[in-house]
Amino acid sequence: MDFLLDRIRATMDRYGMISAGQRVGVAVSGGADSICLLHVFVELGYAPPVLHVNHRLRGAESDADAAFVAEAAERLGLPCTISDAPLPAGGDNLEQAARNLRLAVFREAVASGAVDRVALGHTRSDQAETVLFRFLRGAGTAGLAGIRPATSGGLIRPLIEIDREEVRSWLRERGIPWREDSSNASLEFARNRIRHLLLPQLAREWNPAIVETLAQTGDWALAEEAYWRDQIDRLAAEHLEASRPDGSVLLRVEALRSMPVAAARRLVRYAMELAKTNLRGVGFQHIEAVRELTKGHGTGRIQAPGLDICRSFDWIRFAPATPLRPYCLPAAIPGVTPVPGTGYSLSLELVEKARTTGTNDSVYNDVVGCLDWACLSGRLELRNWRPGDRYRPAGASGEERVKDLFQEARIPLWERGKWPVLTDGFRIVWARRFGPAAGCEAGPGTRVALRVEEVTAR
């Protein structure tokens, strides 16, 4: 067996890419790297199904690529699946959109059980380009980890320690043809400018082994990330409150403030990823801005791409950026009215005095309050708190701003915008947590009470 095959097999063993008995499909575009990968698998004794995705981006050229792949699979006696996956109109980044669509096709092949693994033809040259590309865009060590040799989703990259030119030399020696994608020569794409202009210049003028150096940087960063993944899982379990109904993630200010900078940055980054489900557009400046929120006392708010990040009192909240939608709707009496944007509802029930005598139903606690039905018009509305709202809670000496009540009760900023109040005409007669308004509360002379209860969604 030749030297290149030995190295590829060693890479597969090093990263545990394939276990005994697993069926591996090979993603084949028709280019040199994927054609090499296909023939390598055949020479290693596999009979892999061939998977090709046709985005139809280059018209007849794309169709010719698909036909070429089908013929290559037929010559090798291998099954071949051609997936038509045209890109939706209106996308900004064709390269990224096409890549995401291909990966979705390959992951579906694994999820469906058609194959256990899908092998992709990324080389060490691709790794170097990715590391440099991400470095130029300001990535930290997580981004510099580059292309992973194997993923938990079943994607493997056996050529990741082989240079692109080694692949072509191997094919030429065997007389194996491949297709050249004309778009790979276009300098319109940033990755092509790195491949054809920047890397050659760096090799000429700075470091002849720049590809190997960058690939080693990626490998170094990958090991660092593997270590930090375990650490962040531990820190997240200890300090993050996730899986909340609104998709938000909470982190205590003091916990973040007391951590070493390296751990704090990574935990913030992880919290942002949990809330947003990805890190697109999130950069160093956003992470540092969150750390700035831990300084001093009080409140603060920053916007990151797709995220609303807010500090209130002792907590920092990471949440998907969604516009606040004011609400005002009729309160069902009797009935249950969901409070928009929250995980709870208000249950309103008319209760005769005989049922409340001897109980504490007329005394407001965290979830229950009783209003005197005779003091109400009967047409109540449920709406969210608005800046400037004032009312006099039962037992208070005078009218107060609801905002001041929030402050005294240490209600976080992010909960206030959806905070429910009941109104009768222009007056507030009840507010969550603060209870009935003075003069509207049920008392000894009440004959029919309106019982207000907060009901948590199940």
Protein backbone atom coordinates (compact mmCIF):
# COMPACT_ATOMS: atom_id res chain seq x y z
CA MET A 1 0.00 0.00 0.00
CA ASP A 2 1.38 3.43 -0.90
CA PHE A 3 2.49 6.13 1.52
CA LEU A 4 -0.54 8.41 0.97
CA LEU A 5 -2.98 5.60 1.74
CA ASP A 6 -1.03 4.77 4.89
CA ARG A 7 -1.29 8.39 6.06
CA ILE A 8 -5.00 8.56 5.34
CA ARG A 9 -5.67 5.34 7.21
CA ALA A 10 -3.59 6.65 10.13
CA THR A 11 -5.69 9.82 10.18
CA MET A 12 -8.88 7.76 10.23
CA ASP A 13 -7.56 5.69 13.13
CA ARG A 14 -6.30 8.74 15.04
CA TYR A 15 -9.70 10.39 15.06
CA GLY A 16 -11.78 7.19 15.32
CA MET A 17 -13.63 8.05 12.12
CA ILE A 18 -15.11 4.64 11.37
CA SER A 19 -16.00 1.74 13.64
CA ALA A 20 -16.20 -1.87 12.51
CA GLY A 21 -19.32 -2.64 10.52
CA GLN A 22 -20.28 0.96 9.82
CA ARG A 23 -21.42 1.90 6.33
CA VAL A 24 -19.73 4.97 4.92
CA GLY A 25 -21.02 7.15 2.09
CA VAL A 26 -18.65 9.41 0.16
CA ALA A 27 -19.69 12.93 -0.83
CA VAL A 28 -18.40 13.42 -4.38
CA SER A 29 -18.58 16.74 -6.20
CA GLY A 30 -16.46 15.57 -9.11
CA GLY A 31 -13.47 17.69 -8.07
CA ALA A 32 -10.02 16.25 -7.44
CA ASP A 33 -10.33 16.00 -3.65
CA SER A 34 -13.61 14.09 -3.61
CA ILE A 35 -12.62 11.84 -6.52
CA CYS A 36 -9.39 11.01 -4.71
CA LEU A 37 -11.36 10.25 -1.53
CA LEU A 38 -13.68 7.92 -3.42
CA HIS A 39 -10.82 5.93 -4.94
CA VAL A 40 -8.99 5.84 -1.61
CA PHE A 41 -12.00 4.20 0.02
CA VAL A 42 -12.22 1.65 -2.75
CA GLU A 43 -8.50 0.83 -2.40
CA LEU A 44 -8.95 0.53 1.36
CA GLY A 45 -11.54 -2.19 0.75
CA TYR A 46 -14.79 -0.26 1.10
CA ALA A 47 -17.71 -0.19 -1.33
CA PRO A 48 -19.15 3.21 -0.40
CA PRO A 49 -22.39 4.66 -1.75
CA VAL A 50 -21.71 7.86 -3.70
CA LEU A 51 -23.60 11.03 -2.72
CA HIS A 52 -23.71 14.05 -5.03
CA VAL A 53 -25.63 17.31 -4.56
CA ASN A 54 -26.49 19.38 -7.65
CA HIS A 55 -27.30 23.00 -6.79
CA ARG A 56 -27.68 23.89 -10.52
CA LEU A 57 -25.71 27.08 -9.92
CA ARG A 58 -23.68 26.75 -13.12
CA GLY A 59 -26.36 25.40 -15.45
CA ALA A 60 -25.02 22.85 -17.92
CA GLU A 61 -21.68 22.69 -16.09
CA SER A 62 -23.43 21.59 -12.88
CA ASP A 63 -25.37 18.92 -14.79
CA ALA A 64 -22.14 17.72 -16.41
CA ASP A 65 -20.58 17.39 -12.94
CA ALA A 66 -23.51 15.22 -11.84
CA ALA A 67 -23.18 13.04 -14.94
CA PHE A 68 -19.43 12.69 -14.40
CA VAL A 69 -19.95 11.55 -10.79
CA ALA A 70 -22.62 9.04 -11.82
CA GLU A 71 -20.28 7.58 -14.47
CA ALA A 72 -17.39 7.39 -12.00
CA ALA A 73 -19.59 5.50 -9.52
CA GLU A 74 -20.81 3.15 -12.28
CA ARG A 75 -17.24 2.32 -13.35
CA LEU A 76 -16.44 1.39 -9.76
CA GLY A 77 -19.65 -0.61 -9.37
CA LEU A 78 -20.95 1.67 -6.62
CA PRO A 79 -24.50 2.93 -5.97
CA CYS A 80 -24.93 6.65 -6.58
CA THR A 81 -27.54 9.12 -5.33
CA ILE A 82 -27.85 12.50 -7.09
CA SER A 83 -29.76 15.04 -4.99
CA ASP A 84 -31.18 18.09 -6.75
CA ALA A 85 -30.96 20.96 -4.25
CA PRO A 86 -31.32 24.34 -5.99
CA LEU A 87 -30.71 27.31 -3.73
CA PRO A 88 -33.63 29.55 -2.76
CA ALA A 89 -33.61 32.99 -4.35
CA GLY A 90 -32.57 36.05 -2.40
CA GLY A 91 -29.65 34.67 -0.40
CA ASP A 92 -26.67 36.92 0.25
CA ASN A 93 -23.89 34.34 0.52
CA LEU A 94 -24.18 31.66 -2.15
CA GLU A 95 -21.12 29.76 -0.94
CA GLN A 96 -22.39 29.51 2.61
CA ALA A 97 -25.95 28.69 1.57
CA ALA A 98 -24.78 25.92 -0.77
CA ARG A 99 -22.51 24.48 1.91
CA ASN A 100 -25.34 24.46 4.47
CA LEU A 101 -27.67 22.76 2.01
CA ARG A 102 -25.11 20.06 1.19
CA LEU A 103 -24.44 19.38 4.85
CA ALA A 104 -28.19 19.10 5.47
CA VAL A 105 -28.41 16.46 2.73
CA PHE A 106 -25.49 14.49 4.18
CA ARG A 107 -26.80 14.70 7.74
CA GLU A 108 -30.17 13.47 6.55
CA ALA A 109 -28.47 10.47 4.94
CA VAL A 110 -26.99 9.63 8.34
CA ALA A 111 -30.19 10.35 10.27
CA SER A 112 -32.26 8.18 7.93
CA GLY A 113 -29.92 5.22 8.44
CA ALA A 114 -28.92 5.07 4.78
CA VAL A 115 -25.30 5.37 5.95
CA ASP A 116 -23.55 5.64 9.31
CA ARG A 117 -20.93 8.15 8.18
CA VAL A 118 -20.46 10.56 5.29
CA ALA A 119 -16.85 11.19 4.21
CA LEU A 120 -16.02 14.66 2.88
CA GLY A 121 -12.97 15.58 0.81
CA HIS A 122 -11.55 18.49 2.81
CA THR A 123 -7.74 18.57 2.77
CA ARG A 124 -5.04 20.21 4.86
CA SER A 125 -5.02 23.01 2.28
CA ASP A 126 -8.70 23.64 2.98
CA GLN A 127 -7.90 23.62 6.69
CA ALA A 128 -5.17 26.25 6.24
CA GLU A 129 -7.47 28.47 4.17
CA THR A 130 -10.23 28.17 6.77
CA VAL A 131 -7.94 29.03 9.68
CA LEU A 132 -6.52 32.07 7.86
CA PHE A 133 -9.98 33.19 6.71
CA ARG A 134 -11.35 33.02 10.26
CA PHE A 135 -8.28 34.72 11.71
CA LEU A 136 -8.71 37.62 9.30
CA ARG A 137 -12.33 37.92 10.40
CA GLY A 138 -11.30 38.14 14.05
CA ALA A 139 -12.08 34.63 15.30
CA GLY A 140 -10.83 33.45 18.67
CA THR A 141 -9.37 30.01 19.32
CA ALA A 142 -12.78 28.40 18.84
CA GLY A 143 -12.88 29.68 15.27
CA LEU A 144 -9.21 28.86 14.67
CA ALA A 145 -10.01 25.21 15.40
CA GLY A 146 -11.11 25.28 11.78
CA ILE A 147 -12.49 22.18 10.09
CA ARG A 148 -13.09 19.31 12.48
CA PRO A 149 -11.76 15.92 11.31
CA ALA A 150 -14.90 14.21 12.64
CA THR A 151 -18.19 15.52 13.98
CA SER A 152 -20.78 14.08 16.33
CA GLY A 153 -23.25 14.21 13.44
CA GLY A 154 -21.38 11.54 11.46
CA LEU A 155 -19.31 13.66 9.07
CA ILE A 156 -15.67 12.59 8.64
CA ARG A 157 -12.74 14.09 6.70
CA PRO A 158 -10.07 11.45 6.01
CA LEU A 159 -7.96 13.78 3.80
CA ILE A 160 -7.61 16.49 6.44
CA GLU A 161 -3.86 15.83 6.85
CA ILE A 162 -3.13 15.65 3.08
CA ASP A 163 -2.27 18.69 0.94
CA ARG A 164 -4.28 19.52 -2.17
CA GLU A 165 -1.28 19.10 -4.46
CA GLU A 166 -0.58 15.63 -3.02
CA VAL A 167 -4.11 14.67 -3.98
CA ARG A 168 -3.63 15.79 -7.57
CA SER A 169 -0.28 14.07 -7.88
CA TRP A 170 -1.81 10.82 -6.63
CA LEU A 171 -4.61 11.06 -9.21
CA ARG A 172 -2.24 11.90 -12.05
CA GLU A 173 -0.03 8.90 -11.23
CA ARG A 174 -3.07 6.65 -11.63
CA GLY A 175 -4.56 8.42 -14.63
CA ILE A 176 -7.78 9.19 -12.75
CA PRO A 177 -9.67 12.18 -14.20
CA TRP A 178 -11.55 14.82 -12.24
CA ARG A 179 -13.64 17.92 -12.93
CA GLU A 180 -12.57 21.50 -12.29
CA ASP A 181 -15.28 23.79 -10.91
CA SER A 182 -14.95 27.05 -12.83
CA SER A 183 -16.18 29.04 -9.83
CA ASN A 184 -13.04 27.99 -7.91
CA ALA A 185 -11.03 30.37 -10.09
CA SER A 186 -13.28 33.37 -9.48
CA LEU A 187 -11.72 36.04 -7.29
CA GLU A 188 -15.20 37.25 -6.44
CA PHE A 189 -15.20 34.85 -3.49
CA ALA A 190 -13.09 35.68 -0.43
CA ARG A 191 -11.91 32.10 -0.01
CA ASN A 192 -10.60 32.05 -3.59
CA ARG A 193 -8.69 35.28 -3.02
CA ILE A 194 -7.06 33.67 0.00
CA ARG A 195 -6.25 30.52 -2.01
CA HIS A 196 -4.94 32.15 -5.18
CA LEU A 197 -3.47 35.43 -3.92
CA LEU A 198 -2.84 35.72 -0.20
CA LEU A 199 -1.50 32.26 0.66
CA PRO A 200 0.95 32.18 -2.29
CA GLN A 201 2.21 35.64 -1.29
CA LEU A 202 2.67 34.55 2.34
CA ALA A 203 4.52 31.43 1.16
CA ARG A 204 6.83 33.49 -1.10
CA GLU A 205 7.55 36.36 1.25
CA TRP A 206 7.08 35.06 4.80
CA ASN A 207 6.88 31.33 5.35
CA PRO A 208 7.26 28.64 2.67
CA ALA A 209 5.50 26.20 5.04
CA ILE A 210 2.54 28.52 5.68
CA VAL A 211 -0.06 25.85 4.86
CA GLU A 212 1.45 23.41 7.32
CA THR A 213 1.81 26.17 9.94
CA LEU A 214 -1.82 27.21 9.64
CA ALA A 215 -3.01 23.61 9.70
CA GLN A 216 -0.98 23.00 12.86
CA THR A 217 -2.54 26.09 14.40
CA GLY A 218 -5.94 24.61 13.64
CA ASP A 219 -4.93 21.30 15.22
CA TRP A 220 -3.59 23.09 18.29
CA ALA A 221 -6.79 25.12 18.65
CA LEU A 222 -8.89 21.98 18.16
CA ALA A 223 -7.22 20.31 21.13
CA GLU A 224 -7.70 23.48 23.18
CA GLU A 225 -11.39 23.49 22.32
CA ALA A 226 -11.80 19.84 23.27
CA TYR A 227 -10.38 20.67 26.70
CA TRP A 228 -12.54 23.77 27.11
CA ARG A 229 -15.71 21.98 26.04
CA ASP A 230 -15.56 19.85 29.17
CA GLN A 231 -14.78 22.88 31.32
CA ILE A 232 -17.60 24.95 29.86
CA ASP A 233 -20.09 22.11 30.30
CA ARG A 234 -19.17 22.08 33.99
CA LEU A 235 -19.33 25.87 34.33
CA ALA A 236 -22.62 26.06 32.44
CA ALA A 237 -24.24 23.44 34.67
CA GLU A 238 -23.11 25.44 37.70
CA HIS A 239 -23.81 29.00 36.58
CA LEU A 240 -26.29 29.15 33.67
CA GLU A 241 -30.06 28.96 33.88
CA ALA A 242 -31.12 27.82 30.44
CA SER A 243 -34.10 25.93 28.94
CA ARG A 244 -36.41 28.82 29.83
CA PRO A 245 -39.78 29.15 28.02
CA ASP A 246 -38.69 32.32 26.19
CA GLY A 247 -35.38 30.82 25.04
CA SER A 248 -33.36 33.09 27.31
CA VAL A 249 -30.30 32.21 29.38
CA LEU A 250 -29.52 33.75 32.77
CA LEU A 251 -26.08 34.22 34.33
CA ARG A 252 -25.30 35.69 37.74
CA VAL A 253 -23.20 38.85 37.59
CA GLU A 254 -21.06 37.89 40.57
CA ALA A 255 -20.26 34.46 39.13
CA LEU A 256 -19.02 36.01 35.88
CA ARG A 257 -17.14 38.75 37.71
CA SER A 258 -15.22 36.26 39.85
CA MET A 259 -14.05 33.99 37.01
CA PRO A 260 -10.67 34.12 35.28
CA VAL A 261 -10.94 36.13 32.08
CA ALA A 262 -10.46 33.08 29.83
CA ALA A 263 -13.27 31.16 31.51
CA ALA A 264 -15.57 34.22 31.63
CA ARG A 265 -15.18 34.91 27.92
CA ARG A 266 -15.93 31.33 26.99
CA LEU A 267 -18.94 31.08 29.28
CA VAL A 268 -20.36 34.30 27.82
CA ARG A 269 -19.79 32.98 24.32
CA TYR A 270 -21.52 29.72 25.22
CA ALA A 271 -24.49 31.56 26.77
CA MET A 272 -24.83 33.62 23.58
CA GLU A 273 -24.77 30.46 21.49
CA LEU A 274 -27.43 28.81 23.65
CA ALA A 275 -29.75 31.80 23.36
CA LYS A 276 -29.21 32.38 19.64
CA THR A 277 -28.51 28.74 18.58
CA ASN A 278 -25.49 29.96 16.60
CA LEU A 279 -22.69 32.52 16.80
CA ARG A 280 -22.95 34.16 13.38
CA GLY A 281 -21.93 37.79 13.61
CA VAL A 282 -20.86 37.53 17.24
CA GLY A 283 -17.35 38.88 17.76
CA PHE A 284 -14.81 39.69 20.45
CA GLN A 285 -16.28 43.15 20.99
CA HIS A 286 -19.68 41.70 21.91
CA ILE A 287 -18.18 39.32 24.46
CA GLU A 288 -16.14 42.10 26.03
CA ALA A 289 -19.20 44.35 26.15
CA VAL A 290 -20.98 41.69 28.22
CA ARG A 291 -18.04 41.56 30.62
CA GLU A 292 -18.27 45.33 30.96
CA LEU A 293 -21.84 44.89 32.21
CA THR A 294 -20.51 43.19 35.34
CA LYS A 295 -18.72 46.34 36.49
CA GLY A 296 -20.35 48.43 39.18
CA HIS A 297 -24.02 48.21 40.11
CA GLY A 298 -27.30 48.75 38.36
CA THR A 299 -28.46 47.99 34.88
CA GLY A 300 -27.24 47.95 31.31
CA ARG A 301 -28.17 46.65 27.89
CA ILE A 302 -26.28 45.78 24.72
CA GLN A 303 -27.31 44.50 21.33
CA ALA A 304 -25.38 41.76 19.56
CA PRO A 305 -26.41 40.22 16.21
CA GLY A 306 -29.67 38.39 16.90
CA LEU A 307 -29.37 38.89 20.66
CA ASP A 308 -30.70 41.20 23.33
CA ILE A 309 -28.40 41.14 26.37
CA CYS A 310 -29.49 42.91 29.51
CA ARG A 311 -28.18 43.29 33.05
CA SER A 312 -30.68 43.94 35.83
CA PHE A 313 -29.64 43.77 39.48
CA ASP A 314 -27.73 40.50 40.02
CA TRP A 315 -28.37 38.84 36.66
CA ILE A 316 -27.40 39.09 33.00
CA ARG A 317 -29.97 37.78 30.55
CA PHE A 318 -29.16 36.55 27.04
CA ALA A 319 -32.23 36.32 24.83
CA PRO A 320 -33.13 36.13 21.14
CA ALA A 321 -33.71 39.63 19.79
CA THR A 322 -37.46 39.89 19.38
CA PRO A 323 -39.47 43.12 19.22
CA LEU A 324 -41.63 43.83 22.25
CA ARG A 325 -45.27 43.54 21.23
CA PRO A 326 -47.65 45.49 23.47
CA TYR A 327 -50.91 43.71 24.17
CA CYS A 328 -54.38 44.70 25.31
CA LEU A 329 -57.18 42.15 25.24
CA PRO A 330 -60.51 41.49 26.93
CA ALA A 331 -60.19 39.55 30.18
CA ALA A 332 -62.35 36.41 30.15
CA ILE A 333 -64.66 36.44 33.21
CA PRO A 334 -64.96 33.68 34.18
CA GLY A 335 -62.14 32.08 32.26
CA VAL A 336 -58.42 31.81 31.69
CA THR A 337 -56.56 34.43 29.64
CA PRO A 338 -52.99 33.65 28.50
CA VAL A 339 -50.53 36.47 29.15
CA PRO A 340 -48.80 37.01 25.78
CA GLY A 341 -45.08 36.32 25.65
CA THR A 342 -45.00 34.52 29.00
CA GLY A 343 -45.47 30.98 30.25
CA TYR A 344 -48.47 31.74 32.42
CA SER A 345 -52.15 32.78 32.27
CA LEU A 346 -54.57 34.66 34.51
CA SER A 347 -57.56 32.74 35.81
CA LEU A 348 -60.51 35.01 36.70
CA GLU A 349 -63.34 33.49 38.71
CA LEU A 350 -66.39 35.03 40.42
CA VAL A 351 -66.70 33.77 43.99
CA GLU A 352 -69.65 34.40 46.32
CA LYS A 353 -68.95 35.55 49.87
CA ALA A 354 -70.07 32.23 51.36
CA ARG A 355 -67.13 30.55 49.64
CA THR A 356 -64.57 33.09 50.83
CA THR A 357 -65.64 33.44 54.45
CA GLY A 358 -63.01 32.11 56.78
CA THR A 359 -60.37 31.89 54.08
CA ASN A 360 -57.47 34.08 53.06
CA ASP A 361 -58.72 34.47 49.49
CA SER A 362 -59.14 38.21 49.94
CA VAL A 363 -55.53 38.60 50.98
CA TYR A 364 -53.16 38.93 48.02
CA ASN A 365 -50.12 36.74 47.85
CA ASP A 366 -47.69 36.04 45.01
CA VAL A 367 -50.27 34.37 42.77
CA VAL A 368 -53.77 35.22 44.07
CA GLY A 369 -55.80 38.40 44.67
CA CYS A 370 -59.47 39.16 45.11
CA LEU A 371 -61.30 42.23 43.84
CA ASP A 372 -64.75 43.44 44.94
CA TRP A 373 -66.94 42.76 41.92
CA ALA A 374 -69.34 45.54 42.93
CA CYS A 375 -66.55 48.10 42.45
CA LEU A 376 -65.93 47.08 38.87
CA SER A 377 -67.75 47.83 35.63
CA GLY A 378 -67.57 44.19 34.56
CA ARG A 379 -65.53 44.93 31.41
CA LEU A 380 -61.94 44.42 32.35
CA GLU A 381 -58.96 44.41 30.02
CA LEU A 382 -55.64 42.62 30.40
CA ARG A 383 -52.68 44.60 29.10
CA ASN A 384 -48.97 44.95 29.66
CA TRP A 385 -47.46 47.61 31.92
CA ARG A 386 -46.59 50.85 30.18
CA PRO A 387 -44.12 53.55 31.23
CA GLY A 388 -45.96 56.15 33.28
CA ASP A 389 -48.50 53.70 34.74
CA ARG A 390 -49.52 54.60 38.30
CA TYR A 391 -51.90 53.15 40.84
CA ARG A 392 -52.39 52.80 44.59
CA PRO A 393 -51.99 49.19 45.75
CA ALA A 394 -54.26 48.12 48.59
CA GLY A 395 -52.61 49.02 51.89
CA ALA A 396 -50.36 51.69 50.38
CA SER A 397 -50.48 55.26 51.67
CA GLY A 398 -50.75 56.80 48.24
CA GLU A 399 -50.51 56.38 44.48
CA GLU A 400 -47.19 55.02 43.21
CA ARG A 401 -45.52 54.58 39.87
CA VAL A 402 -45.48 50.93 38.86
CA LYS A 403 -41.88 51.48 37.77
CA ASP A 404 -40.99 52.33 41.40
CA LEU A 405 -42.74 49.19 42.59
CA PHE A 406 -40.62 47.20 40.11
CA GLN A 407 -37.49 48.77 41.53
CA GLU A 408 -38.43 48.08 45.15
CA ALA A 409 -39.34 44.47 44.34
CA ARG A 410 -36.18 44.03 42.20
CA ILE A 411 -38.14 42.95 39.15
CA PRO A 412 -35.62 42.40 36.31
CA LEU A 413 -35.88 44.78 33.35
CA TRP A 414 -36.64 41.98 30.89
CA GLU A 415 -39.76 40.92 32.81
CA ARG A 416 -41.31 44.38 32.97
CA GLY A 417 -42.32 44.85 29.34
CA LYS A 418 -44.76 41.92 29.45
CA TRP A 419 -45.91 42.53 33.03
CA PRO A 420 -49.72 42.12 33.23
CA VAL A 421 -52.15 44.59 34.75
CA LEU A 422 -55.96 44.52 34.79
CA THR A 423 -57.70 47.75 33.89
CA ASP A 424 -61.27 48.95 34.28
CA GLY A 425 -61.60 51.79 31.84
CA PHE A 426 -58.59 54.02 32.37
CA ARG A 427 -57.72 52.84 35.88
CA ILE A 428 -55.51 49.96 36.96
CA VAL A 429 -57.41 47.72 39.36
CA TRP A 430 -54.85 44.94 39.74
CA ALA A 431 -51.18 44.38 38.92
CA ARG A 432 -49.24 41.17 39.04
CA ARG A 433 -47.43 40.68 42.35
CA PHE A 434 -48.58 44.07 43.68
CA GLY A 435 -52.26 43.06 43.89
CA PRO A 436 -55.59 44.88 43.88
CA ALA A 437 -55.91 48.65 43.82
CA ALA A 438 -57.01 50.40 47.00
CA GLY A 439 -60.80 50.74 46.98
CA CYS A 440 -61.17 47.73 44.66
CA GLU A 441 -59.94 45.01 47.02
CA ALA A 442 -62.36 42.44 48.44
CA GLY A 443 -63.14 43.03 52.11
CA PRO A 444 -65.59 42.12 54.85
CA GLY A 445 -68.47 43.79 53.03
CA THR A 446 -67.79 42.08 49.70
CA ARG A 447 -70.69 39.92 48.46
CA VAL A 448 -69.12 38.72 45.18
CA ALA A 449 -65.36 38.66 44.70
CA LEU A 450 -63.37 38.36 41.51
CA ARG A 451 -60.62 35.91 42.26
CA VAL A 452 -57.42 36.52 40.23
CA GLU A 453 -54.97 33.65 40.09
CA GLU A 454 -51.80 33.17 38.12
CA VAL A 455 -51.73 29.77 36.40
CA THR A 456 -48.46 28.41 35.06
CA ALA A 457 -48.61 26.72 31.64
CA ARG A 458 -47.93 22.99 31.70
